[in-house]
Protein backbone atom coordinates (compact mmCIF):
# COMPACT_ATOMS: atom_id res chain seq x y z
CA UNK A 1 112.02 111.13 91.33
CA UNK A 2 109.84 113.32 93.57
CA UNK A 3 107.77 114.46 90.60
CA UNK A 4 107.35 110.86 89.44
CA UNK A 5 106.16 109.69 92.86
CA UNK A 6 103.75 112.58 93.26
CA UNK A 7 102.38 111.88 89.79
CA UNK A 8 101.89 108.23 90.71
CA UNK A 9 100.08 109.17 93.90
CA UNK A 10 97.87 111.68 92.12
CA UNK A 11 96.91 109.27 89.34
CA UNK A 12 96.35 106.49 91.90
CA UNK A 13 93.93 108.63 93.89
CA UNK A 14 92.11 109.68 90.73
CA UNK A 15 91.81 106.05 89.57
CA UNK A 16 90.44 105.01 92.97
CA UNK A 17 87.88 107.81 92.92
CA UNK A 18 86.80 106.85 89.40
CA UNK A 19 86.17 103.28 90.52
CA UNK A 20 84.19 104.39 93.58
CA UNK A 21 82.12 107.08 91.86
CA UNK A 22 81.03 106.05 88.35
CA UNK A 23 82.51 102.71 87.47
CA UNK A 24 85.03 102.53 84.65
CA UNK A 25 84.63 104.64 81.51
CA UNK A 26 87.07 105.15 78.63
CA UNK A 27 88.56 108.30 80.15
CA UNK A 28 88.99 106.46 83.43
CA UNK A 29 90.80 103.63 81.67
CA UNK A 30 93.22 106.15 80.15
CA UNK A 31 94.02 107.54 83.60
CA UNK A 32 94.56 104.01 84.94
CA UNK A 33 96.88 103.22 82.03
CA UNK A 34 98.89 106.38 82.72
CA UNK A 35 99.02 105.38 86.39
CA UNK A 36 100.48 102.02 85.37
CA UNK A 37 103.12 103.58 83.15
CA UNK A 38 104.20 106.04 85.84
CA UNK A 39 104.21 103.32 88.49
CA UNK A 40 106.45 101.16 86.30
CA UNK A 41 109.06 103.92 86.35
CA UNK A 42 109.31 104.12 90.15
CA UNK A 43 111.48 102.19 92.57
CA UNK A 44 108.42 100.14 93.59
CA UNK A 45 108.18 98.42 90.19
CA UNK A 46 110.56 95.50 90.95
CA UNK A 47 108.76 94.81 94.24
CA UNK A 48 105.36 94.84 92.56
CA UNK A 49 106.64 92.49 89.84
CA UNK A 50 108.11 90.12 92.43
CA UNK A 51 104.84 90.14 94.38
CA UNK A 52 102.86 89.38 91.24
CA UNK A 53 105.20 86.54 90.35
CA UNK A 54 104.88 85.13 93.88
CA UNK A 55 101.09 85.18 93.70
CA UNK A 56 101.13 83.59 90.23
CA UNK A 57 103.50 80.87 91.47
CA UNK A 58 101.33 80.21 94.50
CA UNK A 59 98.19 79.95 92.35
CA UNK A 60 99.89 77.61 89.88
CA UNK A 61 100.74 75.22 92.75
CA UNK A 62 97.07 74.76 93.67
CA UNK A 63 95.73 71.47 92.39
CA UNK A 64 92.06 70.66 92.04
């Protein structure tokens, strides 16, 4: 678990730096994809999914 969380943090920092420095390139997209896969394996995954579902539900209730 500790190795998984440290890997998530490392890949998250790298992805953030890629966005700030050069924009998104193919190698940067690979790092972001790895970050997503590692993040999905942590204890935070259900909370992130619930938050995304809440935002999607809130947006679907908006009528124009």
